[in-house]
Amino acid sequence: MSSAPRQPAVALPLWQAGGTRMGFFTDSSVCIGCKACEVACKEWNGVPDLKPAWSGNSYDNTLRLGADSWRHVAFVERVRQDDAAGVRWLMSSDVCKHCTRAACLEVCPTGAIFRSEFGTVVVQDDVCNGCGYCVVACPFGVIERREDDGRAFKCTLCYDRLKVGEQPACAKACPTASIQFGPVEELREAARARLEQVRGQPGGEEARLYGADEGDGVGGFGAFFLLLDRPEVYGLPPRPEYRRRDVVTMWGAASVAAWLLVGGLAGALRWRR
């Protein structure tokens, strides 16, 4: 009696199979605002030049993350009454968070966004159809479509470099080790220890970890931060939420609108006849 042919085992991505998830820990307490990370990111990934802008209240000329700005060094001016200088600069290099619960990935209809074997979230620009669902789903406003072709772009955590054993370009270029790359669990342990050090220093009373908690709305970040003030001071949402349902609602509204349009056209044709 012959047995049925054995089906080949489905290979799980390394991260889901119990492998090592890789990511970033950005320590803003040692960021000097040099923008080496921005330059390295653009050079390695071929990110187009971004026309400099001025916010009107700082030296930040990138302003935000987007299709042509995968790393953004924020310059935040804080007026302090207890400081003789009167102003304190807060600097931090922002990037895609590579969420554990990545709504952008789940709403992508073409499979252009995938979870890599390193646990990172990557956009395949040659598969992207420019629908924009991921733009709506991202709670951080990270993903953006380029004006020239409409496709979506964001940080890939240098997926091509990771595959050959190299660290991301931004982390390699950072002169102060503000951007640290490695296994996420190890980085979280190092971040907690660093937080205790910073809180014991002058000016570190408001320090906190942002995105290290797996219990938040997106299940924690693959790229998390040590901030010296509240997240909203840096332009970050204090309580990020998983927004897949927003896109589902949008789909529903679009479907209703489409049916109404079809019905209206059909009615108009009948009336003309």
Foldseek 3Di string as FASTA:
>chain_A
DDDDDDDDDDDDQQVVVVHFAKFKEFEQVQDPPPCLLQVQQCVVVVQDDDDFDDPVPFPFRVPDAEQRTQKGKDWFWDADPPDPVRIDTGITIDHDQQFLQQLLCVPQPQNQWDQHSNSGIAGNQVRFPLPCLSCQQDLFNNWYADPVRNTIHHDRQPVVQVVVPHGRRSCVRRPRNSMDMDGLVVVLVVVVVVLVVQCVDPLQVAWDKAQNQCPAQRRGTSHIYIGSHQQVSRVGDNGGHRRNVVSVVVVVVVVVVVVVVVVVVVVVVVVVD
